[in-house]
């Protein structure tokens, strides 16, 4: 995983943390295509503890990004409370250990960081 600049060639880049591990990216892509996105969106709407944890993760993400350049939006450029891309939530969780969507994703994709390590 790498950290990217909030602006690239003067244009906003919505993803502060870019997942570089092909195994993780592929596993998360399969998870996204399984229909789990709507499950997570529903959980944000109905599970107050999960929603509060997501808001705290958004605040962490925004603080890190805005320290470099202030931009609108939260994780992946999405509005607050939105689950748009599991890849960016997972990458953020690898950095902070505080993203509930990233933790949910990590539980479901398992140990993708085994040897040989992704580079």
PDB file of N, CA and C in Angstrom:
ATOM      1  N   UNK A   1       0.841  -1.152   0.000  1.00  0.00           N
ATOM      2  CA  UNK A   1       0.000   0.000   0.000  1.00  0.00           C
ATOM      3  C   UNK A   1       0.897   1.228   0.000  1.00  0.00           C
ATOM      4  N   UNK A   2       0.459   2.241  -0.724  1.00  0.00           N
ATOM      5  CA  UNK A   2       1.199   3.496  -0.763  1.00  0.00           C
ATOM      6  C   UNK A   2       0.263   4.643  -0.386  1.00  0.00           C
ATOM      7  N   UNK A   3       0.866   5.722   0.048  1.00  0.00           N
ATOM      8  CA  UNK A   3       0.114   6.948   0.307  1.00  0.00           C
ATOM      9  C   UNK A   3       0.304   7.851  -0.905  1.00  0.00           C
ATOM     10  N   UNK A   4      -0.815   8.370  -1.406  1.00  0.00           N
ATOM     11  CA  UNK A   4      -0.759   9.231  -2.577  1.00  0.00           C
ATOM     12  C   UNK A   4      -1.025  10.677  -2.175  1.00  0.00           C
ATOM     13  N   UNK A   5      -0.700  11.575  -3.065  1.00  0.00           N
ATOM     14  CA  UNK A   5      -0.968  12.993  -2.832  1.00  0.00           C
ATOM     15  C   UNK A   5      -2.444  13.280  -3.094  1.00  0.00           C
ATOM     16  N   UNK A   6      -3.034  14.195  -2.326  1.00  0.00           N
ATOM     17  CA  UNK A   6      -4.435  14.538  -2.555  1.00  0.00           C
ATOM     18  C   UNK A   6      -4.680  15.218  -3.896  1.00  0.00           C
ATOM     19  N   UNK A   7      -3.630  15.829  -4.447  1.00  0.00           N
ATOM     20  CA  UNK A   7      -3.725  16.455  -5.769  1.00  0.00           C
ATOM     21  C   UNK A   7      -2.668  15.825  -6.669  1.00  0.00           C
ATOM     22  N   UNK A   8      -3.078  15.423  -7.846  1.00  0.00           N
ATOM     23  CA  UNK A   8      -2.144  14.909  -8.843  1.00  0.00           C
ATOM     24  C   UNK A   8      -2.349  15.730 -10.109  1.00  0.00           C
ATOM     25  N   UNK A   9      -1.286  16.344 -10.562  1.00  0.00           N
ATOM     26  CA  UNK A   9      -1.342  17.257 -11.700  1.00  0.00           C
ATOM     27  C   UNK A   9      -2.399  18.341 -11.492  1.00  0.00           C
ATOM     28  N   UNK A  10      -2.533  18.787 -10.240  1.00  0.00           N
ATOM     29  CA  UNK A  10      -3.463  19.855  -9.908  1.00  0.00           C
ATOM     30  C   UNK A  10      -4.915  19.433  -9.757  1.00  0.00           C
ATOM     31  N   UNK A  11      -5.198  18.137  -9.949  1.00  0.00           N
ATOM     32  CA  UNK A  11      -6.569  17.629  -9.846  1.00  0.00           C
ATOM     33  C   UNK A  11      -6.735  16.775  -8.598  1.00  0.00           C
ATOM     34  N   UNK A  12      -7.903  16.863  -7.937  1.00  0.00           N
ATOM     35  CA  UNK A  12      -8.131  16.043  -6.747  1.00  0.00           C
ATOM     36  C   UNK A  12      -8.035  14.553  -7.072  1.00  0.00           C
ATOM     37  N   UNK A  13      -7.331  13.832  -6.220  1.00  0.00           N
ATOM     38  CA  UNK A  13      -7.233  12.381  -6.316  1.00  0.00           C
ATOM     39  C   UNK A  13      -7.919  11.831  -5.071  1.00  0.00           C
ATOM     40  N   UNK A  14      -9.021  11.117  -5.222  1.00  0.00           N
ATOM     41  CA  UNK A  14      -9.854  10.781  -4.064  1.00  0.00           C
ATOM     42  C   UNK A  14      -9.279   9.740  -3.112  1.00  0.00           C
ATOM     43  N   UNK A  15      -8.267   9.006  -3.531  1.00  0.00           N
ATOM     44  CA  UNK A  15      -7.766   7.907  -2.717  1.00  0.00           C
ATOM     45  C   UNK A  15      -6.431   8.275  -2.093  1.00  0.00           C
ATOM     46  N   UNK A  16      -6.406   8.496  -0.795  1.00  0.00           N
ATOM     47  CA  UNK A  16      -5.176   8.840  -0.093  1.00  0.00           C
ATOM     48  C   UNK A  16      -4.272   7.619   0.042  1.00  0.00           C
ATOM     49  N   UNK A  17      -4.863   6.465   0.262  1.00  0.00           N
ATOM     50  CA  UNK A  17      -4.097   5.230   0.408  1.00  0.00           C
ATOM     51  C   UNK A  17      -4.458   4.308  -0.749  1.00  0.00           C
ATOM     52  N   UNK A  18      -3.446   3.903  -1.503  1.00  0.00           N
ATOM     53  CA  UNK A  18      -3.651   3.093  -2.701  1.00  0.00           C
ATOM     54  C   UNK A  18      -3.155   1.688  -2.421  1.00  0.00           C
ATOM     55  N   UNK A  19      -4.037   0.720  -2.567  1.00  0.00           N
ATOM     56  CA  UNK A  19      -3.702  -0.669  -2.320  1.00  0.00           C
ATOM     57  C   UNK A  19      -2.879  -1.209  -3.485  1.00  0.00           C
ATOM     58  N   UNK A  20      -1.673  -1.684  -3.215  1.00  0.00           N
ATOM     59  CA  UNK A  20      -0.786  -2.161  -4.275  1.00  0.00           C
ATOM     60  C   UNK A  20      -0.687  -3.681  -4.340  1.00  0.00           C
ATOM     61  N   UNK A  21      -1.123  -4.382  -3.332  1.00  0.00           N
ATOM     62  CA  UNK A  21      -1.033  -5.843  -3.298  1.00  0.00           C
ATOM     63  C   UNK A  21      -2.084  -6.447  -4.240  1.00  0.00           C
ATOM     64  N   UNK A  22      -1.612  -7.153  -5.253  1.00  0.00           N
ATOM     65  CA  UNK A  22      -2.546  -7.740  -6.228  1.00  0.00           C
ATOM     66  C   UNK A  22      -3.465  -8.775  -5.596  1.00  0.00           C
ATOM     67  N   UNK A  23      -2.938  -9.558  -4.665  1.00  0.00           N
ATOM     68  CA  UNK A  23      -3.788 -10.568  -4.010  1.00  0.00           C
ATOM     69  C   UNK A  23      -4.901  -9.909  -3.214  1.00  0.00           C
ATOM     70  N   UNK A  24      -4.552  -8.864  -2.468  1.00  0.00           N
ATOM     71  CA  UNK A  24      -5.570  -8.154  -1.692  1.00  0.00           C
ATOM     72  C   UNK A  24      -6.577  -7.495  -2.625  1.00  0.00           C
ATOM     73  N   UNK A  25      -6.100  -6.841  -3.670  1.00  0.00           N
ATOM     74  CA  UNK A  25      -7.004  -6.171  -4.616  1.00  0.00           C
ATOM     75  C   UNK A  25      -7.960  -7.160  -5.263  1.00  0.00           C
ATOM     76  N   UNK A  26      -7.441  -8.317  -5.676  1.00  0.00           N
ATOM     77  CA  UNK A  26      -8.291  -9.326  -6.317  1.00  0.00           C
ATOM     78  C   UNK A  26      -9.318  -9.882  -5.333  1.00  0.00           C
ATOM     79  N   UNK A  27      -8.883 -10.170  -4.114  1.00  0.00           N
ATOM     80  CA  UNK A  27      -9.801 -10.706  -3.105  1.00  0.00           C
ATOM     81  C   UNK A  27     -10.894  -9.699  -2.771  1.00  0.00           C
ATOM     82  N   UNK A  28     -10.531  -8.437  -2.675  1.00  0.00           N
ATOM     83  CA  UNK A  28     -11.516  -7.400  -2.367  1.00  0.00           C
ATOM     84  C   UNK A  28     -12.460  -7.207  -3.548  1.00  0.00           C
ATOM     85  N   UNK A  29     -11.948  -7.277  -4.754  1.00  0.00           N
ATOM     86  CA  UNK A  29     -12.809  -7.194  -5.939  1.00  0.00           C
ATOM     87  C   UNK A  29     -13.853  -8.301  -5.953  1.00  0.00           C
ATOM     88  N   UNK A  30     -13.425  -9.514  -5.596  1.00  0.00           N
ATOM     89  CA  UNK A  30     -14.386 -10.635  -5.527  1.00  0.00           C
ATOM     90  C   UNK A  30     -15.424 -10.385  -4.436  1.00  0.00           C
ATOM     91  N   UNK A  31     -14.971  -9.844  -3.307  1.00  0.00           N
ATOM     92  CA  UNK A  31     -15.901  -9.541  -2.216  1.00  0.00           C
ATOM     93  C   UNK A  31     -16.911  -8.484  -2.649  1.00  0.00           C
ATOM     94  N   UNK A  32     -16.434  -7.432  -3.294  1.00  0.00           N
ATOM     95  CA  UNK A  32     -17.348  -6.385  -3.774  1.00  0.00           C
ATOM     96  C   UNK A  32     -18.373  -6.946  -4.748  1.00  0.00           C
ATOM     97  N   UNK A  33     -17.942  -7.810  -5.645  1.00  0.00           N
ATOM     98  CA  UNK A  33     -18.862  -8.347  -6.658  1.00  0.00           C
ATOM     99  C   UNK A  33     -19.831  -9.376  -6.080  1.00  0.00           C
ATOM    100  N   UNK A  34     -19.616  -9.783  -4.834  1.00  0.00           N
ATOM    101  CA  UNK A  34     -20.523 -10.750  -4.213  1.00  0.00           C
ATOM    102  C   UNK A  34     -21.801 -10.100  -3.684  1.00  0.00           C
ATOM    103  N   UNK A  35     -21.885  -8.755  -3.755  1.00  0.00           N
ATOM    104  CA  UNK A  35     -23.084  -8.064  -3.298  1.00  0.00           C
ATOM    105  C   UNK A  35     -22.995  -7.536  -1.882  1.00  0.00           C
ATOM    106  N   UNK A  36     -21.807  -7.544  -1.291  1.00  0.00           N
ATOM    107  CA  UNK A  36     -21.648  -7.149   0.102  1.00  0.00           C
ATOM    108  C   UNK A  36     -21.782  -5.633   0.309  1.00  0.00           C
ATOM    109  N   UNK A  37     -21.663  -4.857  -0.761  1.00  0.00           N
ATOM    110  CA  UNK A  37     -21.726  -3.406  -0.611  1.00  0.00           C
ATOM    111  C   UNK A  37     -23.069  -2.958  -0.021  1.00  0.00           C
ATOM    112  N   UNK A  38     -24.151  -3.505  -0.529  1.00  0.00           N
ATOM    113  CA  UNK A  38     -25.467  -3.129   0.000  1.00  0.00           C
ATOM    114  C   UNK A  38     -25.624  -3.583   1.447  1.00  0.00           C
ATOM    115  N   UNK A  39     -25.053  -4.717   1.796  1.00  0.00           N
ATOM    116  CA  UNK A  39     -25.075  -5.184   3.183  1.00  0.00           C
ATOM    117  C   UNK A  39     -24.389  -4.166   4.092  1.00  0.00           C
ATOM    118  N   UNK A  40     -23.246  -3.662   3.657  1.00  0.00           N
ATOM    119  CA  UNK A  40     -22.521  -2.666   4.453  1.00  0.00           C
ATOM    120  C   UNK A  40     -23.276  -1.346   4.528  1.00  0.00           C
ATOM    121  N   UNK A  41     -23.855  -0.923   3.431  1.00  0.00           N
ATOM    122  CA  UNK A  41     -24.636   0.326   3.440  1.00  0.00           C
ATOM    123  C   UNK A  41     -25.823   0.207   4.400  1.00  0.00           C
ATOM    124  N   UNK A  42     -26.454  -0.936   4.393  1.00  0.00           N
ATOM    125  CA  UNK A  42     -27.574  -1.173   5.316  1.00  0.00           C
ATOM    126  C   UNK A  42     -27.081  -1.171   6.765  1.00  0.00           C
ATOM    127  N   UNK A  43     -25.928  -1.748   6.994  1.00  0.00           N
ATOM    128  CA  UNK A  43     -25.374  -1.772   8.354  1.00  0.00           C
ATOM    129  C   UNK A  43     -25.087  -0.358   8.842  1.00  0.00           C
ATOM    130  N   UNK A  44     -24.578   0.490   7.970  1.00  0.00           N
ATOM    131  CA  UNK A  44     -24.336   1.893   8.342  1.00  0.00           C
ATOM    132  C   UNK A  44     -25.654   2.568   8.715  1.00  0.00           C
ATOM    133  N   UNK A  45     -26.714   2.238   7.991  1.00  0.00           N
ATOM    134  CA  UNK A  45     -28.034   2.845   8.265  1.00  0.00           C
ATOM    135  C   UNK A  45     -28.667   2.332   9.549  1.00  0.00           C
ATOM    136  N   UNK A  46     -28.380   1.085   9.929  1.00  0.00           N
ATOM    137  CA  UNK A  46     -29.130   0.469  11.035  1.00  0.00           C
ATOM    138  C   UNK A  46     -28.313   0.173  12.293  1.00  0.00           C
ATOM    139  N   UNK A  47     -26.994   0.150  12.198  1.00  0.00           N
ATOM    140  CA  UNK A  47     -26.135  -0.202  13.336  1.00  0.00           C
ATOM    141  C   UNK A  47     -25.411   1.063  13.794  1.00  0.00           C
ATOM    142  N   UNK A  48     -25.920   1.653  14.870  1.00  0.00           N
ATOM    143  CA  UNK A  48     -25.399   2.930  15.346  1.00  0.00           C
ATOM    144  C   UNK A  48     -23.925   2.841  15.757  1.00  0.00           C
ATOM    145  N   UNK A  49     -23.531   1.754  16.374  1.00  0.00           N
ATOM    146  CA  UNK A  49     -22.135   1.595  16.797  1.00  0.00           C
ATOM    147  C   UNK A  49     -21.216   1.525  15.575  1.00  0.00           C
ATOM    148  N   UNK A  50     -21.614   0.764  14.568  1.00  0.00           N
ATOM    149  CA  UNK A  50     -20.841   0.649  13.332  1.00  0.00           C
ATOM    150  C   UNK A  50     -20.765   2.003  12.627  1.00  0.00           C
ATOM    151  N   UNK A  51     -21.893   2.700  12.548  1.00  0.00           N
ATOM    152  CA  UNK A  51     -21.935   4.013  11.906  1.00  0.00           C
ATOM    153  C   UNK A  51     -21.046   5.014  12.643  1.00  0.00           C
ATOM    154  N   UNK A  52     -21.061   4.985  13.972  1.00  0.00           N
ATOM    155  CA  UNK A  52     -20.197   5.877  14.755  1.00  0.00           C
ATOM    156  C   UNK A  52     -18.723   5.562  14.507  1.00  0.00           C
ATOM    157  N   UNK A  53     -18.391   4.283  14.431  1.00  0.00           N
ATOM    158  CA  UNK A  53     -17.002   3.888  14.159  1.00  0.00           C
ATOM    159  C   UNK A  53     -16.580   4.337  12.761  1.00  0.00           C
ATOM    160  N   UNK A  54     -17.491   4.267  11.796  1.00  0.00           N
ATOM    161  CA  UNK A  54     -17.189   4.733  10.448  1.00  0.00           C
ATOM    162  C   UNK A  54     -16.962   6.243  10.446  1.00  0.00           C
ATOM    163  N   UNK A  55     -17.780   6.987  11.169  1.00  0.00           N
ATOM    164  CA  UNK A  55     -17.593   8.446  11.257  1.00  0.00           C
ATOM    165  C   UNK A  55     -16.231   8.790  11.880  1.00  0.00           C
ATOM    166  N   UNK A  56     -15.826   8.034  12.887  1.00  0.00           N
ATOM    167  CA  UNK A  56     -14.512   8.262  13.504  1.00  0.00           C
ATOM    168  C   UNK A  56     -13.395   7.952  12.507  1.00  0.00           C
ATOM    169  N   UNK A  57     -13.567   6.888  11.724  1.00  0.00           N
ATOM    170  CA  UNK A  57     -12.574   6.542  10.693  1.00  0.00           C
ATOM    171  C   UNK A  57     -12.520   7.632   9.621  1.00  0.00           C
ATOM    172  N   UNK A  58     -13.681   8.151   9.246  1.00  0.00           N
ATOM    173  CA  UNK A  58     -13.723   9.240   8.265  1.00  0.00           C
ATOM    174  C   UNK A  58     -12.974  10.460   8.783  1.00  0.00           C
ATOM    175  N   UNK A  59     -13.145  10.762  10.051  1.00  0.00           N
ATOM    176  CA  UNK A  59     -12.459  11.913  10.647  1.00  0.00           C
ATOM    177  C   UNK A  59     -10.945  11.694  10.607  1.00  0.00           C
ATOM    178  N   UNK A  60     -10.495  10.471  10.901  1.00  0.00           N
ATOM    179  CA  UNK A  60      -9.071  10.156  10.842  1.00  0.00           C
ATOM    180  C   UNK A  60      -8.542  10.327   9.418  1.00  0.00           C
ATOM    181  N   UNK A  61      -9.266   9.782   8.443  1.00  0.00           N
ATOM    182  CA  UNK A  61      -8.870   9.866   7.035  1.00  0.00           C
ATOM    183  C   UNK A  61      -8.786  11.311   6.582  1.00  0.00           C
ATOM    184  N   UNK A  62      -9.833  12.085   6.902  1.00  0.00           N
ATOM    185  CA  UNK A  62      -9.904  13.483   6.485  1.00  0.00           C
ATOM    186  C   UNK A  62      -8.781  14.298   7.128  1.00  0.00           C
ATOM    187  N   UNK A  63      -8.490  14.037   8.380  1.00  0.00           N
ATOM    188  CA  UNK A  63      -7.411  14.743   9.073  1.00  0.00           C
ATOM    189  C   UNK A  63      -6.070  14.461   8.398  1.00  0.00           C
ATOM    190  N   UNK A  64      -5.814  13.200   8.052  1.00  0.00           N
ATOM    191  CA  UNK A  64      -4.562  12.842   7.376  1.00  0.00           C
ATOM    192  C   UNK A  64      -4.475  13.507   5.999  1.00  0.00           C
ATOM    193  N   UNK A  65      -5.561  13.435   5.233  1.00  0.00           N
ATOM    194  CA  UNK A  65      -5.555  14.008   3.887  1.00  0.00           C
ATOM    195  C   UNK A  65      -5.479  15.526   3.931  1.00  0.00           C
ATOM    196  N   UNK A  66      -6.295  16.135   4.782  1.00  0.00           N
ATOM    197  CA  UNK A  66      -6.356  17.589   4.822  1.00  0.00           C
ATOM    198  C   UNK A  66      -5.080  18.213   5.379  1.00  0.00           C
ATOM    199  N   UNK A  67      -4.245  17.426   6.052  1.00  0.00           N
ATOM    200  CA  UNK A  67      -2.945  17.929   6.496  1.00  0.00           C
ATOM    201  C   UNK A  67      -2.061  18.236   5.286  1.00  0.00           C
ATOM    202  N   UNK A  68      -2.340  17.556   4.163  1.00  0.00           N
ATOM    203  CA  UNK A  68      -1.581  17.794   2.933  1.00  0.00           C
ATOM    204  C   UNK A  68      -2.291  18.790   2.016  1.00  0.00           C
ATOM    205  N   UNK A  69      -3.611  18.638   1.892  1.00  0.00           N
ATOM    206  CA  UNK A  69      -4.411  19.536   1.056  1.00  0.00           C
ATOM    207  C   UNK A  69      -5.886  19.312   1.398  1.00  0.00           C
ATOM    208  N   UNK A  70      -6.592  20.371   1.692  1.00  0.00           N
ATOM    209  CA  UNK A  70      -8.008  20.264   2.060  1.00  0.00           C
ATOM    210  C   UNK A  70      -8.842  20.006   0.811  1.00  0.00           C
ATOM    211  N   UNK A  71      -9.622  18.930   0.879  1.00  0.00           N
ATOM    212  CA  UNK A  71     -10.524  18.566  -0.212  1.00  0.00           C
ATOM    213  C   UNK A  71     -11.884  18.203   0.367  1.00  0.00           C
ATOM    214  N   UNK A  72     -12.947  18.344  -0.422  1.00  0.00           N
ATOM    215  CA  UNK A  72     -14.264  17.902   0.048  1.00  0.00           C
ATOM    216  C   UNK A  72     -14.340  16.382   0.044  1.00  0.00           C
ATOM    217  N   UNK A  73     -15.283  15.855   0.779  1.00  0.00           N
ATOM    218  CA  UNK A  73     -15.512  14.419   0.788  1.00  0.00           C
ATOM    219  C   UNK A  73     -14.672  13.717   1.837  1.00  0.00           C
ATOM    220  N   UNK A  74     -14.958  12.448   1.986  1.00  0.00           N
ATOM    221  CA  UNK A  74     -14.298  11.652   3.013  1.00  0.00           C
ATOM    222  C   UNK A  74     -13.549  10.498   2.354  1.00  0.00           C
ATOM    223  N   UNK A  75     -13.696   9.300   2.839  1.00  0.00           N
ATOM    224  CA  UNK A  75     -12.918   8.160   2.374  1.00  0.00           C
ATOM    225  C   UNK A  75     -13.227   7.882   0.908  1.00  0.00           C
ATOM    226  N   UNK A  76     -12.191   7.971   0.083  1.00  0.00           N
ATOM    227  CA  UNK A  76     -12.361   7.775  -1.353  1.00  0.00           C
ATOM    228  C   UNK A  76     -13.120   8.901  -2.031  1.00  0.00           C
ATOM    229  N   UNK A  77     -13.217  10.060  -1.377  1.00  0.00           N
ATOM    230  CA  UNK A  77     -13.941  11.183  -1.943  1.00  0.00           C
ATOM    231  C   UNK A  77     -15.449  11.087  -1.791  1.00  0.00           C
ATOM    232  N   UNK A  78     -15.905  10.048  -1.115  1.00  0.00           N
ATOM    233  CA  UNK A  78     -17.343   9.820  -0.941  1.00  0.00           C
ATOM    234  C   UNK A  78     -17.910  10.738   0.148  1.00  0.00           C
ATOM    235  N   UNK A  79     -19.227  10.929   0.145  1.00  0.00           N
ATOM    236  CA  UNK A  79     -19.840  11.687   1.242  1.00  0.00           C
ATOM    237  C   UNK A  79     -19.755  10.913   2.559  1.00  0.00           C
ATOM    238  N   UNK A  80     -19.890  11.609   3.652  1.00  0.00           N
ATOM    239  CA  UNK A  80     -19.848  10.977   4.971  1.00  0.00           C
ATOM    240  C   UNK A  80     -20.889   9.866   5.084  1.00  0.00           C
ATOM    241  N   UNK A  81     -20.481   8.766   5.692  1.00  0.00           N
ATOM    242  CA  UNK A  81     -21.390   7.640   5.902  1.00  0.00           C
ATOM    243  C   UNK A  81     -21.564   6.752   4.699  1.00  0.00           C
ATOM    244  N   UNK A  82     -20.791   6.991   3.655  1.00  0.00           N
ATOM    245  CA  UNK A  82     -20.934   6.226   2.429  1.00  0.00           C
ATOM    246  C   UNK A  82     -19.893   5.114   2.363  1.00  0.00           C
ATOM    247  N   UNK A  83     -20.300   3.981   1.829  1.00  0.00           N
ATOM    248  CA  UNK A  83     -19.374   2.882   1.573  1.00  0.00           C
ATOM    249  C   UNK A  83     -19.302   2.741   0.062  1.00  0.00           C
ATOM    250  N   UNK A  84     -18.218   3.293  -0.501  1.00  0.00           N
ATOM    251  CA  UNK A  84     -18.096   3.381  -1.950  1.00  0.00           C
ATOM    252  C   UNK A  84     -17.133   2.343  -2.510  1.00  0.00           C
ATOM    253  N   UNK A  85     -16.016   2.096  -1.826  1.00  0.00           N
ATOM    254  CA  UNK A  85     -14.960   1.243  -2.351  1.00  0.00           C
ATOM    255  C   UNK A  85     -14.279   0.509  -1.195  1.00  0.00           C
ATOM    256  N   UNK A  86     -14.384  -0.793  -1.180  1.00  0.00           N
ATOM    257  CA  UNK A  86     -13.770  -1.560  -0.093  1.00  0.00           C
ATOM    258  C   UNK A  86     -12.255  -1.464  -0.125  1.00  0.00           C
ATOM    259  N   UNK A  87     -11.680  -1.302  -1.313  1.00  0.00           N
ATOM    260  CA  UNK A  87     -10.225  -1.212  -1.431  1.00  0.00           C
ATOM    261  C   UNK A  87      -9.671  -0.057  -0.597  1.00  0.00           C
ATOM    262  N   UNK A  88     -10.289   1.104  -0.681  1.00  0.00           N
ATOM    263  CA  UNK A  88      -9.783   2.270   0.039  1.00  0.00           C
ATOM    264  C   UNK A  88     -10.057   2.145   1.540  1.00  0.00           C
ATOM    265  N   UNK A  89     -11.178   1.560   1.921  1.00  0.00           N
ATOM    266  CA  UNK A  89     -11.448   1.344   3.348  1.00  0.00           C
ATOM    267  C   UNK A  89     -10.444   0.358   3.934  1.00  0.00           C
ATOM    268  N   UNK A  90     -10.142  -0.691   3.204  1.00  0.00           N
ATOM    269  CA  UNK A  90      -9.176  -1.693   3.656  1.00  0.00           C
ATOM    270  C   UNK A  90      -7.782  -1.058   3.775  1.00  0.00           C
ATOM    271  N   UNK A  91      -7.361  -0.305   2.769  1.00  0.00           N
ATOM    272  CA  UNK A  91      -6.047   0.342   2.808  1.00  0.00           C
ATOM    273  C   UNK A  91      -5.966   1.304   3.993  1.00  0.00           C
ATOM    274  N   UNK A  92      -7.026   2.060   4.231  1.00  0.00           N
ATOM    275  CA  UNK A  92      -7.047   2.973   5.374  1.00  0.00           C
ATOM    276  C   UNK A  92      -6.956   2.188   6.670  1.00  0.00           C
ATOM    277  N   UNK A  93      -7.650   1.062   6.754  1.00  0.00           N
ATOM    278  CA  UNK A  93      -7.602   0.236   7.956  1.00  0.00           C
ATOM    279  C   UNK A  93      -6.188  -0.293   8.205  1.00  0.00           C
ATOM    280  N   UNK A  94      -5.456  -0.626   7.142  1.00  0.00           N
ATOM    281  CA  UNK A  94      -4.081  -1.078   7.305  1.00  0.00           C
ATOM    282  C   UNK A  94      -3.216   0.009   7.942  1.00  0.00           C
ATOM    283  N   UNK A  95      -3.545   1.263   7.671  1.00  0.00           N
ATOM    284  CA  UNK A  95      -2.785   2.391   8.212  1.00  0.00           C
ATOM    285  C   UNK A  95      -3.160   2.671   9.660  1.00  0.00           C
ATOM    286  N   UNK A  96      -4.463   2.741   9.937  1.00  0.00           N
ATOM    287  CA  UNK A  96      -4.906   3.222  11.254  1.00  0.00           C
ATOM    288  C   UNK A  96      -5.447   2.142  12.180  1.00  0.00           C
ATOM    289  N   UNK A  97      -5.887   1.017  11.630  1.00  0.00           N
ATOM    290  CA  UNK A  97      -6.524  -0.005  12.459  1.00  0.00           C
ATOM    291  C   UNK A  97      -7.866   0.453  13.008  1.00  0.00           C
ATOM    292  N   UNK A  98      -8.437   1.507  12.402  1.00  0.00           N
ATOM    293  CA  UNK A  98      -9.635   2.130  12.972  1.00  0.00           C
ATOM    294  C   UNK A  98     -10.838   2.135  12.039  1.00  0.00           C
ATOM    295  N   UNK A  99     -10.738   1.521  10.880  1.00  0.00           N
ATOM    296  CA  UNK A  99     -11.819   1.605   9.898  1.00  0.00           C
ATOM    297  C   UNK A  99     -12.681   0.342   9.978  1.00  0.00           C
ATOM    298  N   UNK A 100     -13.941   0.466  10.399  1.00  0.00           N
ATOM    299  CA  UNK A 100     -14.766  -0.730  10.568  1.00  0.00           C
ATOM    300  C   UNK A 100     -15.093  -1.435   9.260  1.00  0.00           C
ATOM    301  N   UNK A 101     -15.199  -0.691   8.169  1.00  0.00           N
ATOM    302  CA  UNK A 101     -15.438  -1.306   6.861  1.00  0.00           C
ATOM    303  C   UNK A 101     -14.176  -2.056   6.431  1.00  0.00           C
ATOM    304  N   UNK A 102     -13.021  -1.460   6.683  1.00  0.00           N
ATOM    305  CA  UNK A 102     -11.756  -2.134   6.401  1.00  0.00           C
ATOM    306  C   UNK A 102     -11.571  -3.381   7.238  1.00  0.00           C
ATOM    307  N   UNK A 103     -11.963  -3.323   8.509  1.00  0.00           N
ATOM    308  CA  UNK A 103     -11.873  -4.500   9.385  1.00  0.00           C
ATOM    309  C   UNK A 103     -12.813  -5.601   8.897  1.00  0.00           C
ATOM    310  N   UNK A 104     -14.024  -5.232   8.519  1.00  0.00           N
ATOM    311  CA  UNK A 104     -14.999  -6.171   7.957  1.00  0.00           C
ATOM    312  C   UNK A 104     -14.393  -6.857   6.731  1.00  0.00           C
ATOM    313  N   UNK A 105     -13.762  -6.055   5.874  1.00  0.00           N
ATOM    314  CA  UNK A 105     -13.147  -6.570   4.652  1.00  0.00           C
ATOM    315  C   UNK A 105     -12.002  -7.517   4.993  1.00  0.00           C
ATOM    316  N   UNK A 106     -11.147  -7.115   5.917  1.00  0.00           N
ATOM    317  CA  UNK A 106     -10.005  -7.947   6.317  1.00  0.00           C
ATOM    318  C   UNK A 106     -10.462  -9.304   6.837  1.00  0.00           C
ATOM    319  N   UNK A 107     -11.530  -9.315   7.624  1.00  0.00           N
ATOM    320  CA  UNK A 107     -12.055 -10.581   8.158  1.00  0.00           C
ATOM    321  C   UNK A 107     -12.498 -11.508   7.038  1.00  0.00           C
ATOM    322  N   UNK A 108     -13.047 -10.948   5.982  1.00  0.00           N
ATOM    323  CA  UNK A 108     -13.609 -11.766   4.912  1.00  0.00           C
ATOM    324  C   UNK A 108     -12.597 -12.203   3.852  1.00  0.00           C
ATOM    325  N   UNK A 109     -11.544 -11.432   3.656  1.00  0.00           N
ATOM    326  CA  UNK A 109     -10.569 -11.834   2.633  1.00  0.00           C
ATOM    327  C   UNK A 109      -9.451 -12.692   3.215  1.00  0.00           C
ATOM    328  N   UNK A 110      -9.326 -12.702   4.529  1.00  0.00           N
ATOM    329  CA  UNK A 110      -8.312 -13.537   5.159  1.00  0.00           C
ATOM    330  C   UNK A 110      -6.903 -12.997   4.983  1.00  0.00           C
ATOM    331  N   UNK A 111      -5.937 -13.873   5.197  1.00  0.00           N
ATOM    332  CA  UNK A 111      -4.528 -13.497   5.150  1.00  0.00           C
ATOM    333  C   UNK A 111      -4.018 -13.506   3.723  1.00  0.00           C
ATOM    334  N   UNK A 112      -4.122 -12.364   3.069  1.00  0.00           N
ATOM    335  CA  UNK A 112      -3.624 -12.233   1.693  1.00  0.00           C
ATOM    336  C   UNK A 112      -2.184 -11.740   1.675  1.00  0.00           C
ATOM    337  N   UNK A 113      -1.640 -11.418   2.826  1.00  0.00           N
ATOM    338  CA  UNK A 113      -0.294 -10.851   2.913  1.00  0.00           C
ATOM    339  C   UNK A 113       0.746 -11.904   3.290  1.00  0.00           C
ATOM    340  N   UNK A 114       0.520 -13.135   2.902  1.00  0.00           N
ATOM    341  CA  UNK A 114       1.467 -14.210   3.175  1.00  0.00           C
ATOM    342  C   UNK A 114       2.622 -14.169   2.157  1.00  0.00           C
ATOM    343  N   UNK A 115       3.641 -14.926   2.430  1.00  0.00           N
ATOM    344  CA  UNK A 115       4.785 -14.971   1.513  1.00  0.00           C
ATOM    345  C   UNK A 115       4.408 -15.645   0.213  1.00  0.00           C
ATOM    346  N   UNK A 116       4.921 -15.254  -0.926  1.00  0.00           N
ATOM    347  CA  UNK A 116       5.788 -14.080  -1.026  1.00  0.00           C
ATOM    348  C   UNK A 116       4.971 -12.804  -0.842  1.00  0.00           C
ATOM    349  N   UNK A 117       5.590 -11.844  -0.193  1.00  0.00           N
ATOM    350  CA  UNK A 117       4.901 -10.589   0.088  1.00  0.00           C
ATOM    351  C   UNK A 117       4.641  -9.813  -1.189  1.00  0.00           C
ATOM    352  N   UNK A 118       3.554  -9.046  -1.162  1.00  0.00           N
ATOM    353  CA  UNK A 118       3.272  -8.121  -2.262  1.00  0.00           C
ATOM    354  C   UNK A 118       4.269  -6.971  -2.180  1.00  0.00           C
ATOM    355  N   UNK A 119       4.629  -6.442  -3.312  1.00  0.00           N
ATOM    356  CA  UNK A 119       5.530  -5.293  -3.322  1.00  0.00           C
ATOM    357  C   UNK A 119       4.885  -4.143  -4.068  1.00  0.00           C
TER     358      UNK A 119
END
